[in-house]
N, C-alpha and C. Protein backbone atom coordinates (compact mmCIF):
# COMPACT_ATOMS: atom_id res chain seq x y z
N MET A 1 100.81 -46.63 39.82
CA MET A 1 99.45 -47.02 39.43
C MET A 1 98.52 -46.85 40.62
N HIS A 2 97.38 -46.27 40.40
CA HIS A 2 96.42 -46.05 41.48
C HIS A 2 95.39 -47.16 41.48
N PRO A 3 95.08 -47.71 42.62
CA PRO A 3 94.08 -48.76 42.68
C PRO A 3 92.71 -48.23 42.32
N SER A 4 91.85 -49.17 41.83
CA SER A 4 90.48 -48.78 41.48
C SER A 4 89.77 -48.27 42.72
N GLY A 5 89.04 -47.19 42.57
CA GLY A 5 88.33 -46.61 43.69
C GLY A 5 89.14 -45.61 44.47
N SER A 6 90.42 -45.39 44.06
CA SER A 6 91.26 -44.41 44.73
C SER A 6 90.79 -43.01 44.38
N PRO A 7 91.18 -42.00 45.17
CA PRO A 7 90.75 -40.62 44.88
C PRO A 7 91.08 -40.19 43.47
N SER A 8 92.25 -40.62 42.95
CA SER A 8 92.63 -40.18 41.60
C SER A 8 91.71 -40.75 40.54
N SER A 9 91.15 -41.97 40.79
CA SER A 9 90.26 -42.59 39.80
C SER A 9 88.93 -41.86 39.73
N HIS A 10 88.59 -41.11 40.78
CA HIS A 10 87.34 -40.33 40.79
C HIS A 10 87.58 -38.89 40.35
N ARG A 11 88.82 -38.42 40.50
CA ARG A 11 89.10 -37.02 40.14
C ARG A 11 89.07 -36.80 38.64
N LEU A 12 89.53 -37.80 37.85
CA LEU A 12 89.57 -37.62 36.40
C LEU A 12 88.19 -37.39 35.81
N PRO A 13 87.19 -38.26 36.09
CA PRO A 13 85.85 -37.98 35.56
C PRO A 13 85.30 -36.63 36.01
N HIS A 14 85.60 -36.25 37.26
CA HIS A 14 85.12 -34.96 37.77
C HIS A 14 85.77 -33.81 37.00
N ALA A 15 87.09 -33.92 36.76
CA ALA A 15 87.80 -32.87 36.02
C ALA A 15 87.28 -32.77 34.59
N LEU A 16 87.05 -33.93 33.96
CA LEU A 16 86.53 -33.92 32.59
C LEU A 16 85.11 -33.35 32.56
N ASP A 17 84.34 -33.63 33.59
CA ASP A 17 82.97 -33.11 33.68
C ASP A 17 82.98 -31.58 33.75
N VAL A 18 83.87 -31.04 34.57
CA VAL A 18 83.98 -29.57 34.70
C VAL A 18 84.44 -28.97 33.38
N LEU A 19 85.45 -29.59 32.76
CA LEU A 19 85.97 -29.09 31.48
C LEU A 19 84.88 -29.10 30.41
N GLU A 20 84.09 -30.18 30.39
CA GLU A 20 83.01 -30.29 29.42
C GLU A 20 81.99 -29.16 29.60
N ARG A 21 81.61 -28.88 30.83
CA ARG A 21 80.62 -27.83 31.09
C ARG A 21 81.13 -26.46 30.66
N VAL A 22 82.38 -26.17 30.98
CA VAL A 22 82.96 -24.88 30.60
C VAL A 22 83.00 -24.75 29.08
N ALA A 23 83.44 -25.82 28.40
CA ALA A 23 83.54 -25.78 26.94
C ALA A 23 82.17 -25.59 26.30
N LEU A 24 81.15 -26.28 26.82
CA LEU A 24 79.81 -26.16 26.25
C LEU A 24 79.25 -24.75 26.43
N VAL A 25 79.53 -24.14 27.57
CA VAL A 25 79.08 -22.76 27.79
C VAL A 25 79.72 -21.84 26.76
N LEU A 26 81.00 -22.03 26.48
CA LEU A 26 81.70 -21.19 25.51
C LEU A 26 81.15 -21.39 24.11
N PHE A 27 80.98 -22.65 23.70
CA PHE A 27 80.47 -22.92 22.35
C PHE A 27 79.05 -22.38 22.20
N TYR A 28 78.22 -22.54 23.23
CA TYR A 28 76.85 -22.05 23.13
C TYR A 28 76.81 -20.53 23.10
N SER A 29 77.74 -19.89 23.78
CA SER A 29 77.80 -18.42 23.75
C SER A 29 78.08 -17.92 22.35
N PHE A 30 79.04 -18.56 21.65
CA PHE A 30 79.34 -18.17 20.27
C PHE A 30 78.14 -18.44 19.36
N MET A 31 77.48 -19.59 19.57
CA MET A 31 76.30 -19.91 18.77
C MET A 31 75.20 -18.88 18.99
N SER A 32 74.98 -18.50 20.23
CA SER A 32 73.93 -17.54 20.56
C SER A 32 74.17 -16.21 19.88
N TRP A 33 75.41 -15.76 19.88
CA TRP A 33 75.74 -14.48 19.24
C TRP A 33 75.41 -14.53 17.75
N SER A 34 75.79 -15.62 17.08
CA SER A 34 75.53 -15.75 15.65
C SER A 34 74.04 -15.87 15.35
N PHE A 35 73.34 -16.71 16.11
CA PHE A 35 71.93 -16.96 15.84
C PHE A 35 71.05 -15.76 16.19
N LEU A 36 71.35 -15.09 17.28
CA LEU A 36 70.55 -13.92 17.64
C LEU A 36 70.77 -12.79 16.64
N SER A 37 72.00 -12.65 16.15
CA SER A 37 72.27 -11.64 15.11
C SER A 37 71.46 -11.93 13.86
N SER A 38 71.39 -13.22 13.49
CA SER A 38 70.62 -13.62 12.32
C SER A 38 69.13 -13.40 12.55
N TRP A 39 68.66 -13.72 13.76
CA TRP A 39 67.23 -13.56 14.05
C TRP A 39 66.82 -12.09 14.01
N ILE A 40 67.67 -11.20 14.49
CA ILE A 40 67.37 -9.77 14.44
C ILE A 40 67.20 -9.31 12.99
N GLU A 41 67.98 -9.89 12.08
CA GLU A 41 67.92 -9.51 10.67
C GLU A 41 66.74 -10.15 9.95
N THR A 42 66.46 -11.43 10.25
CA THR A 42 65.48 -12.19 9.47
C THR A 42 64.17 -12.47 10.20
N GLY A 43 64.20 -12.50 11.52
CA GLY A 43 63.01 -12.85 12.29
C GLY A 43 62.60 -14.29 12.13
N SER A 44 63.54 -15.16 11.73
CA SER A 44 63.22 -16.57 11.48
C SER A 44 62.94 -17.33 12.77
N ALA A 45 61.77 -17.96 12.84
CA ALA A 45 61.42 -18.76 14.02
C ALA A 45 62.32 -19.99 14.13
N ALA A 46 62.76 -20.51 12.98
CA ALA A 46 63.63 -21.70 12.99
C ALA A 46 64.91 -21.43 13.76
N THR A 47 65.42 -20.21 13.62
CA THR A 47 66.65 -19.84 14.32
C THR A 47 66.46 -19.92 15.83
N LEU A 48 65.34 -19.42 16.32
CA LEU A 48 65.07 -19.44 17.76
C LEU A 48 64.81 -20.85 18.27
N ILE A 49 64.16 -21.68 17.46
CA ILE A 49 63.88 -23.06 17.88
C ILE A 49 65.17 -23.83 18.09
N VAL A 50 66.10 -23.71 17.13
CA VAL A 50 67.38 -24.42 17.25
C VAL A 50 68.17 -23.87 18.43
N LEU A 51 68.15 -22.57 18.60
CA LEU A 51 68.88 -21.96 19.72
C LEU A 51 68.31 -22.46 21.05
N ALA A 52 66.98 -22.54 21.14
CA ALA A 52 66.35 -23.05 22.36
C ALA A 52 66.65 -24.53 22.56
N SER A 53 66.67 -25.29 21.45
CA SER A 53 66.96 -26.72 21.52
C SER A 53 68.34 -26.98 22.10
N GLU A 54 69.34 -26.28 21.57
CA GLU A 54 70.70 -26.46 22.08
C GLU A 54 70.84 -25.88 23.48
N GLY A 55 70.08 -24.84 23.78
CA GLY A 55 70.13 -24.24 25.10
C GLY A 55 69.63 -25.18 26.18
N THR A 56 68.62 -25.99 25.86
CA THR A 56 68.12 -26.94 26.85
C THR A 56 69.15 -28.03 27.13
N VAL A 57 69.91 -28.40 26.10
CA VAL A 57 70.99 -29.38 26.31
C VAL A 57 71.97 -28.83 27.34
N LEU A 58 72.40 -27.59 27.12
CA LEU A 58 73.35 -26.96 28.04
C LEU A 58 72.76 -26.86 29.45
N ALA A 59 71.51 -26.44 29.55
CA ALA A 59 70.89 -26.26 30.86
C ALA A 59 70.85 -27.57 31.64
N PHE A 60 70.47 -28.65 30.97
CA PHE A 60 70.39 -29.93 31.67
C PHE A 60 71.77 -30.50 32.00
N VAL A 61 72.76 -30.20 31.16
CA VAL A 61 74.13 -30.61 31.49
C VAL A 61 74.58 -29.93 32.78
N LEU A 62 74.23 -28.67 32.93
CA LEU A 62 74.68 -27.90 34.10
C LEU A 62 74.00 -28.35 35.39
N ILE A 63 72.79 -28.91 35.30
CA ILE A 63 72.08 -29.29 36.53
C ILE A 63 72.05 -30.79 36.77
N ARG A 64 72.63 -31.58 35.88
CA ARG A 64 72.54 -33.03 36.02
C ARG A 64 73.20 -33.50 37.31
N ARG A 65 72.76 -34.64 37.77
CA ARG A 65 73.36 -35.19 38.99
C ARG A 65 74.56 -36.04 38.62
N ARG A 66 75.48 -36.17 39.53
CA ARG A 66 76.68 -36.97 39.30
C ARG A 66 76.38 -38.44 39.60
N THR A 67 77.18 -39.31 39.01
CA THR A 67 77.06 -40.74 39.25
C THR A 67 78.44 -41.35 39.23
N SER A 68 78.61 -42.43 39.98
CA SER A 68 79.90 -43.12 40.00
C SER A 68 79.97 -44.16 38.89
N ASP A 69 78.79 -44.58 38.38
CA ASP A 69 78.76 -45.60 37.32
C ASP A 69 78.75 -44.90 35.97
N ILE A 70 79.90 -44.36 35.60
CA ILE A 70 80.04 -43.58 34.36
C ILE A 70 81.19 -44.12 33.54
N SER A 71 81.06 -44.08 32.23
CA SER A 71 82.12 -44.56 31.36
C SER A 71 83.39 -43.73 31.55
N THR A 72 84.52 -44.42 31.61
CA THR A 72 85.81 -43.72 31.67
C THR A 72 86.57 -43.89 30.36
N SER A 73 85.89 -44.40 29.34
CA SER A 73 86.52 -44.58 28.03
C SER A 73 86.75 -43.23 27.36
N THR A 74 87.98 -43.00 26.91
CA THR A 74 88.30 -41.75 26.21
C THR A 74 87.43 -41.60 24.97
N ALA A 75 87.23 -42.70 24.24
CA ALA A 75 86.41 -42.65 23.02
C ALA A 75 84.97 -42.24 23.35
N ASP A 76 84.43 -42.77 24.44
CA ASP A 76 83.06 -42.41 24.82
C ASP A 76 82.94 -40.93 25.17
N TRP A 77 83.93 -40.40 25.89
CA TRP A 77 83.92 -38.98 26.25
C TRP A 77 84.04 -38.10 25.00
N LEU A 78 84.93 -38.49 24.08
CA LEU A 78 85.10 -37.70 22.86
C LEU A 78 83.84 -37.74 22.00
N LEU A 79 83.22 -38.92 21.90
CA LEU A 79 81.97 -39.04 21.15
C LEU A 79 80.89 -38.14 21.74
N ALA A 80 80.76 -38.20 23.05
CA ALA A 80 79.73 -37.41 23.72
C ALA A 80 79.96 -35.92 23.54
N PHE A 81 81.21 -35.50 23.71
CA PHE A 81 81.52 -34.07 23.58
C PHE A 81 81.31 -33.60 22.14
N ALA A 82 81.82 -34.37 21.18
CA ALA A 82 81.67 -33.99 19.77
C ALA A 82 80.20 -33.97 19.37
N GLY A 83 79.44 -34.97 19.84
CA GLY A 83 78.03 -35.03 19.49
C GLY A 83 77.22 -33.88 20.05
N THR A 84 77.68 -33.32 21.18
CA THR A 84 76.99 -32.19 21.79
C THR A 84 77.41 -30.87 21.16
N VAL A 85 78.69 -30.74 20.84
CA VAL A 85 79.22 -29.48 20.32
C VAL A 85 78.93 -29.28 18.84
N LEU A 86 79.04 -30.34 18.05
CA LEU A 86 78.89 -30.19 16.59
C LEU A 86 77.61 -29.47 16.18
N PRO A 87 76.43 -29.82 16.71
CA PRO A 87 75.22 -29.11 16.28
C PRO A 87 75.23 -27.62 16.60
N MET A 88 76.11 -27.20 17.52
CA MET A 88 76.22 -25.78 17.83
C MET A 88 77.02 -25.02 16.78
N LEU A 89 77.60 -25.75 15.82
CA LEU A 89 78.44 -25.12 14.81
C LEU A 89 77.70 -24.79 13.52
N VAL A 90 76.43 -25.21 13.40
CA VAL A 90 75.66 -24.86 12.20
C VAL A 90 75.36 -23.37 12.23
N ARG A 91 75.06 -22.82 11.07
CA ARG A 91 74.79 -21.39 10.97
C ARG A 91 73.62 -21.13 10.03
N PRO A 92 72.80 -20.13 10.33
CA PRO A 92 71.73 -19.74 9.41
C PRO A 92 72.33 -19.25 8.10
N VAL A 93 71.61 -19.45 7.00
CA VAL A 93 72.08 -18.98 5.70
C VAL A 93 71.10 -17.95 5.16
N ALA A 94 71.62 -17.09 4.30
CA ALA A 94 70.81 -15.99 3.77
C ALA A 94 69.85 -16.46 2.68
N ASP A 95 70.28 -17.47 1.90
CA ASP A 95 69.45 -17.93 0.79
C ASP A 95 68.23 -18.70 1.30
N GLY A 96 67.22 -18.81 0.45
CA GLY A 96 66.00 -19.51 0.84
C GLY A 96 66.20 -21.00 0.99
N GLY A 97 65.29 -21.64 1.73
CA GLY A 97 65.37 -23.07 1.94
C GLY A 97 64.85 -23.87 0.77
N ILE A 98 65.03 -25.18 0.84
CA ILE A 98 64.59 -26.05 -0.25
C ILE A 98 63.17 -26.58 0.01
N VAL A 99 62.66 -26.33 1.21
CA VAL A 99 61.29 -26.71 1.57
C VAL A 99 60.66 -25.49 2.24
N PRO A 100 59.38 -25.22 1.98
CA PRO A 100 58.74 -24.05 2.61
C PRO A 100 58.89 -24.06 4.13
N VAL A 101 59.13 -22.88 4.67
CA VAL A 101 59.33 -22.74 6.12
C VAL A 101 58.13 -23.28 6.89
N LEU A 102 56.94 -23.01 6.40
CA LEU A 102 55.73 -23.44 7.11
C LEU A 102 55.61 -24.96 7.19
N ALA A 103 56.30 -25.67 6.30
CA ALA A 103 56.29 -27.13 6.36
C ALA A 103 57.35 -27.65 7.33
N CYS A 104 58.41 -26.87 7.52
CA CYS A 104 59.53 -27.31 8.36
C CYS A 104 59.34 -26.97 9.84
N ILE A 105 58.72 -25.83 10.11
CA ILE A 105 58.56 -25.40 11.50
C ILE A 105 57.82 -26.44 12.34
N PRO A 106 56.71 -27.04 11.85
CA PRO A 106 56.04 -28.08 12.66
C PRO A 106 56.95 -29.26 12.97
N ILE A 107 57.79 -29.66 12.01
CA ILE A 107 58.73 -30.76 12.25
C ILE A 107 59.70 -30.39 13.35
N MET A 108 60.22 -29.16 13.29
CA MET A 108 61.17 -28.70 14.30
C MET A 108 60.51 -28.63 15.68
N LEU A 109 59.28 -28.13 15.71
CA LEU A 109 58.58 -28.01 17.00
C LEU A 109 58.27 -29.38 17.60
N MET A 110 57.88 -30.33 16.75
CA MET A 110 57.62 -31.68 17.25
C MET A 110 58.90 -32.30 17.81
N GLY A 111 60.01 -32.07 17.10
CA GLY A 111 61.29 -32.57 17.60
C GLY A 111 61.67 -31.92 18.91
N PHE A 112 61.43 -30.62 19.01
CA PHE A 112 61.76 -29.89 20.24
C PHE A 112 60.92 -30.39 21.41
N VAL A 113 59.62 -30.56 21.16
CA VAL A 113 58.72 -31.06 22.22
C VAL A 113 59.13 -32.47 22.64
N LEU A 114 59.52 -33.30 21.68
CA LEU A 114 59.92 -34.67 21.99
C LEU A 114 61.16 -34.71 22.86
N GLN A 115 62.17 -33.89 22.50
CA GLN A 115 63.40 -33.92 23.31
C GLN A 115 63.18 -33.30 24.69
N ILE A 116 62.32 -32.29 24.78
CA ILE A 116 62.01 -31.70 26.09
C ILE A 116 61.26 -32.72 26.96
N SER A 117 60.31 -33.43 26.34
CA SER A 117 59.56 -34.45 27.06
C SER A 117 60.50 -35.53 27.60
N ALA A 118 61.48 -35.92 26.78
CA ALA A 118 62.45 -36.93 27.22
C ALA A 118 63.31 -36.40 28.36
N LYS A 119 63.74 -35.14 28.25
CA LYS A 119 64.57 -34.54 29.31
C LYS A 119 63.79 -34.42 30.62
N LEU A 120 62.51 -34.04 30.52
CA LEU A 120 61.71 -33.91 31.73
C LEU A 120 61.45 -35.27 32.37
N THR A 121 61.39 -36.31 31.55
CA THR A 121 61.26 -37.66 32.08
C THR A 121 62.52 -38.07 32.83
N LEU A 122 63.68 -37.70 32.25
CA LEU A 122 64.96 -38.01 32.89
C LEU A 122 65.24 -37.11 34.08
N ARG A 123 64.81 -35.83 33.95
CA ARG A 123 65.11 -34.80 34.96
C ARG A 123 66.62 -34.73 35.17
N ARG A 124 67.08 -34.82 36.39
CA ARG A 124 68.51 -34.65 36.66
C ARG A 124 69.32 -35.91 36.32
N SER A 125 68.65 -36.94 35.80
CA SER A 125 69.37 -38.13 35.36
C SER A 125 69.95 -37.93 33.96
N PHE A 126 69.63 -36.80 33.33
CA PHE A 126 70.15 -36.49 32.00
C PHE A 126 71.67 -36.37 32.04
N GLY A 127 72.32 -36.80 30.97
CA GLY A 127 73.77 -36.63 30.84
C GLY A 127 74.19 -36.88 29.41
N VAL A 128 75.36 -36.39 29.03
CA VAL A 128 75.85 -36.62 27.67
C VAL A 128 76.94 -37.69 27.63
N ILE A 129 77.52 -38.03 28.80
CA ILE A 129 78.51 -39.09 28.88
C ILE A 129 77.79 -40.38 29.25
N PRO A 130 78.11 -41.51 28.58
CA PRO A 130 77.47 -42.77 28.95
C PRO A 130 77.61 -43.05 30.44
N ALA A 131 76.48 -43.23 31.12
CA ALA A 131 76.48 -43.47 32.56
C ALA A 131 75.14 -44.07 32.94
N ASN A 132 75.14 -44.81 34.04
CA ASN A 132 73.88 -45.35 34.56
C ASN A 132 73.37 -44.41 35.63
N ARG A 133 72.45 -43.54 35.25
CA ARG A 133 71.84 -42.60 36.19
C ARG A 133 70.42 -43.03 36.55
N GLY A 134 70.13 -44.29 36.30
CA GLY A 134 68.79 -44.81 36.56
C GLY A 134 68.07 -45.09 35.26
N ILE A 135 67.28 -46.15 35.23
CA ILE A 135 66.56 -46.55 34.03
C ILE A 135 65.19 -45.88 34.00
N LYS A 136 64.88 -45.23 32.88
CA LYS A 136 63.57 -44.60 32.70
C LYS A 136 62.82 -45.34 31.59
N ALA A 137 61.56 -45.67 31.85
CA ALA A 137 60.78 -46.40 30.86
C ALA A 137 59.40 -45.80 30.66
N SER A 138 59.21 -44.56 31.11
CA SER A 138 57.91 -43.91 30.98
C SER A 138 57.97 -42.80 29.94
N GLY A 139 56.84 -42.11 29.74
CA GLY A 139 56.81 -41.01 28.78
C GLY A 139 57.19 -41.47 27.39
N PRO A 140 57.99 -40.67 26.66
CA PRO A 140 58.37 -41.04 25.29
C PRO A 140 59.25 -42.27 25.22
N TYR A 141 59.81 -42.69 26.36
CA TYR A 141 60.65 -43.89 26.38
C TYR A 141 59.84 -45.16 26.20
N ARG A 142 58.53 -45.05 26.16
CA ARG A 142 57.68 -46.21 25.87
C ARG A 142 57.73 -46.57 24.39
N PHE A 143 58.15 -45.63 23.54
CA PHE A 143 58.07 -45.83 22.09
C PHE A 143 59.43 -46.11 21.45
N CYS A 144 60.49 -45.52 21.98
CA CYS A 144 61.84 -45.83 21.52
C CYS A 144 62.79 -45.57 22.68
N ARG A 145 63.96 -46.21 22.64
CA ARG A 145 64.85 -46.15 23.80
C ARG A 145 65.63 -44.84 23.90
N HIS A 146 65.67 -44.09 22.80
CA HIS A 146 66.43 -42.83 22.81
C HIS A 146 65.61 -41.71 22.16
N PRO A 147 64.45 -41.37 22.73
CA PRO A 147 63.59 -40.35 22.14
C PRO A 147 64.23 -38.97 22.10
N MET A 148 65.16 -38.71 23.01
CA MET A 148 65.81 -37.40 23.01
C MET A 148 66.61 -37.20 21.72
N TYR A 149 67.37 -38.23 21.33
CA TYR A 149 68.13 -38.14 20.09
C TYR A 149 67.20 -38.05 18.89
N ALA A 150 66.07 -38.76 18.95
CA ALA A 150 65.09 -38.68 17.86
C ALA A 150 64.57 -37.26 17.71
N GLY A 151 64.33 -36.60 18.85
CA GLY A 151 63.90 -35.20 18.82
C GLY A 151 64.95 -34.28 18.23
N TYR A 152 66.22 -34.52 18.60
CA TYR A 152 67.30 -33.71 18.04
C TYR A 152 67.31 -33.82 16.52
N VAL A 153 67.20 -35.06 16.02
CA VAL A 153 67.27 -35.29 14.57
C VAL A 153 66.13 -34.58 13.86
N MET A 154 64.93 -34.63 14.41
CA MET A 154 63.79 -33.96 13.78
C MET A 154 64.02 -32.45 13.70
N THR A 155 64.48 -31.86 14.80
CA THR A 155 64.74 -30.42 14.81
C THR A 155 65.84 -30.05 13.83
N GLN A 156 66.88 -30.87 13.78
CA GLN A 156 68.00 -30.58 12.89
C GLN A 156 67.63 -30.73 11.43
N VAL A 157 66.83 -31.73 11.10
CA VAL A 157 66.38 -31.91 9.72
C VAL A 157 65.56 -30.70 9.28
N GLY A 158 64.65 -30.25 10.13
CA GLY A 158 63.85 -29.07 9.79
C GLY A 158 64.70 -27.84 9.56
N PHE A 159 65.69 -27.63 10.44
CA PHE A 159 66.57 -26.47 10.29
C PHE A 159 67.38 -26.56 9.00
N LEU A 160 67.87 -27.76 8.68
CA LEU A 160 68.69 -27.93 7.48
C LEU A 160 67.88 -27.68 6.21
N LEU A 161 66.63 -28.08 6.20
CA LEU A 161 65.79 -27.85 5.02
C LEU A 161 65.53 -26.36 4.81
N ILE A 162 65.52 -25.59 5.90
CA ILE A 162 65.33 -24.14 5.79
C ILE A 162 66.65 -23.43 5.53
N ASN A 163 67.75 -24.00 6.03
CA ASN A 163 69.07 -23.38 5.92
C ASN A 163 70.06 -24.34 5.27
N PRO A 164 69.82 -24.70 4.00
CA PRO A 164 70.70 -25.67 3.35
C PRO A 164 72.05 -25.06 2.97
N SER A 165 73.09 -25.74 3.33
CA SER A 165 74.44 -25.36 2.92
C SER A 165 75.32 -26.58 3.07
N LEU A 166 76.43 -26.59 2.37
CA LEU A 166 77.36 -27.72 2.48
C LEU A 166 77.86 -27.85 3.91
N TRP A 167 78.17 -26.70 4.54
CA TRP A 167 78.67 -26.71 5.92
C TRP A 167 77.66 -27.34 6.87
N ASN A 168 76.42 -26.86 6.81
CA ASN A 168 75.39 -27.39 7.71
C ASN A 168 75.13 -28.88 7.46
N SER A 169 75.16 -29.27 6.18
CA SER A 169 74.93 -30.68 5.83
C SER A 169 76.03 -31.57 6.41
N LEU A 170 77.28 -31.13 6.29
CA LEU A 170 78.40 -31.91 6.82
C LEU A 170 78.34 -31.99 8.34
N ILE A 171 78.02 -30.87 8.97
CA ILE A 171 77.94 -30.85 10.44
C ILE A 171 76.87 -31.82 10.93
N TYR A 172 75.69 -31.76 10.34
CA TYR A 172 74.61 -32.62 10.81
C TYR A 172 74.84 -34.09 10.44
N ALA A 173 75.49 -34.35 9.30
CA ALA A 173 75.80 -35.74 8.94
C ALA A 173 76.78 -36.34 9.95
N CYS A 174 77.80 -35.56 10.30
CA CYS A 174 78.76 -36.02 11.31
C CYS A 174 78.09 -36.19 12.66
N ALA A 175 77.21 -35.24 13.00
CA ALA A 175 76.51 -35.31 14.29
C ALA A 175 75.64 -36.56 14.37
N LEU A 176 74.96 -36.90 13.28
CA LEU A 176 74.10 -38.09 13.27
C LEU A 176 74.93 -39.36 13.45
N ALA A 177 76.06 -39.43 12.74
CA ALA A 177 76.94 -40.60 12.88
C ALA A 177 77.43 -40.73 14.32
N ILE A 178 77.78 -39.60 14.91
CA ILE A 178 78.27 -39.61 16.29
C ILE A 178 77.15 -39.99 17.26
N GLN A 179 75.93 -39.49 17.00
CA GLN A 179 74.82 -39.83 17.89
C GLN A 179 74.56 -41.34 17.89
N ILE A 180 74.69 -41.96 16.73
CA ILE A 180 74.51 -43.41 16.67
C ILE A 180 75.61 -44.09 17.48
N GLY A 181 76.85 -43.57 17.36
CA GLY A 181 77.94 -44.10 18.17
C GLY A 181 77.67 -43.93 19.66
N ARG A 182 77.11 -42.78 20.04
CA ARG A 182 76.77 -42.53 21.45
C ARG A 182 75.70 -43.51 21.94
N ILE A 183 74.71 -43.75 21.09
CA ILE A 183 73.65 -44.69 21.47
C ILE A 183 74.24 -46.06 21.77
N LEU A 184 75.12 -46.52 20.89
CA LEU A 184 75.73 -47.84 21.08
C LEU A 184 76.61 -47.87 22.32
N ALA A 185 77.33 -46.76 22.57
CA ALA A 185 78.18 -46.69 23.77
C ALA A 185 77.33 -46.69 25.04
N GLU A 186 76.24 -45.93 25.03
CA GLU A 186 75.36 -45.88 26.19
C GLU A 186 74.76 -47.25 26.48
N GLU A 187 74.32 -47.92 25.42
CA GLU A 187 73.68 -49.22 25.63
C GLU A 187 74.68 -50.28 26.06
N ARG A 188 75.92 -50.13 25.63
CA ARG A 188 76.96 -51.06 26.08
C ARG A 188 77.13 -50.98 27.60
N LEU A 189 77.09 -49.75 28.13
CA LEU A 189 77.21 -49.57 29.57
C LEU A 189 75.93 -49.96 30.31
N LEU A 190 74.79 -49.48 29.81
CA LEU A 190 73.52 -49.71 30.49
C LEU A 190 73.10 -51.18 30.48
N SER A 191 73.55 -51.92 29.47
CA SER A 191 73.17 -53.33 29.36
C SER A 191 73.75 -54.19 30.47
N LYS A 192 74.66 -53.63 31.25
CA LYS A 192 75.16 -54.35 32.42
C LYS A 192 74.08 -54.45 33.50
N ASP A 193 73.08 -53.60 33.38
CA ASP A 193 71.98 -53.54 34.35
C ASP A 193 70.83 -54.43 33.88
N GLU A 194 70.40 -55.35 34.72
CA GLU A 194 69.31 -56.26 34.37
C GLU A 194 68.04 -55.49 34.01
N ALA A 195 67.80 -54.38 34.71
CA ALA A 195 66.60 -53.57 34.43
C ALA A 195 66.63 -53.04 33.00
N TYR A 196 67.82 -52.65 32.53
CA TYR A 196 67.90 -52.12 31.16
C TYR A 196 67.75 -53.24 30.14
N ARG A 197 68.22 -54.43 30.46
CA ARG A 197 68.04 -55.55 29.53
C ARG A 197 66.55 -55.88 29.38
N ARG A 198 65.81 -55.75 30.47
CA ARG A 198 64.35 -55.95 30.37
C ARG A 198 63.72 -54.83 29.55
N PHE A 199 64.25 -53.62 29.68
CA PHE A 199 63.75 -52.46 28.93
C PHE A 199 63.96 -52.67 27.43
N ILE A 200 65.10 -53.25 27.06
CA ILE A 200 65.39 -53.52 25.64
C ILE A 200 64.36 -54.49 25.06
N VAL A 201 63.98 -55.48 25.84
CA VAL A 201 62.98 -56.44 25.38
C VAL A 201 61.62 -55.76 25.22
N ALA A 202 61.29 -54.89 26.16
CA ALA A 202 59.99 -54.21 26.13
C ALA A 202 59.91 -53.16 25.03
N VAL A 203 61.04 -52.46 24.78
CA VAL A 203 61.09 -51.39 23.76
C VAL A 203 62.21 -51.75 22.79
N PRO A 204 61.91 -52.45 21.70
CA PRO A 204 62.95 -53.00 20.83
C PRO A 204 63.68 -52.00 19.93
N TYR A 205 63.13 -50.80 19.75
CA TYR A 205 63.75 -49.86 18.81
C TYR A 205 64.49 -48.74 19.53
N ARG A 206 65.67 -48.42 19.02
CA ARG A 206 66.51 -47.41 19.66
C ARG A 206 66.07 -45.99 19.34
N LEU A 207 65.90 -45.69 18.06
CA LEU A 207 65.72 -44.30 17.62
C LEU A 207 64.42 -44.08 16.85
N VAL A 208 64.18 -44.94 15.86
CA VAL A 208 62.99 -44.79 15.01
C VAL A 208 62.21 -46.11 15.04
N PRO A 209 60.99 -46.11 15.55
CA PRO A 209 60.20 -47.35 15.59
C PRO A 209 60.12 -48.02 14.22
N LEU A 210 60.31 -49.33 14.23
CA LEU A 210 60.25 -50.19 13.04
C LEU A 210 61.46 -50.02 12.11
N VAL A 211 62.40 -49.13 12.45
CA VAL A 211 63.57 -48.90 11.60
C VAL A 211 64.87 -49.22 12.33
N PHE A 212 65.11 -48.54 13.47
CA PHE A 212 66.40 -48.70 14.19
C PHE A 212 66.18 -48.50 15.69
């Protein structure tokens, strides 16, 4: 058994971090091939918005700063990885959407702008594994505690309305359930910090103001 704080206790999170980055690059590469092929055929702006949305997740994962105050729970790591990878598995469909594209694109763009705004507020404090990389309470974090996830949901809903299929519906339903699990896992860790407990009092809603 290795004592807490031993080199081996720090190597595991580092190894998992490297594995996560490599896996995300591979999944995003496959997604890019499929989405760009579809865009060449259809010219759909929704395809590019989702591709850019997932691409920013990957970019910020690759540049994030490391922290020692990170969850070592296997369940938390699996939730984070699944929640990041699952949205990369949706695919454009050939049939028409159930809502006009012109009505969905603004929703997707608002979601994209919201998640980018949240990422820029976090900067290198961004991460997909529950960790305390510093408490942020400015920008979109003034309105809900997890605006980045709110932005993801808006973009995904818009894409699903344009590209409805059983596969995409199942993927996004699972992703939403996992995102809620991630939110609870993150807050379980962050609530150890007095600053975050004050943030919870100041901003009572996690994802959707007046709802959750």
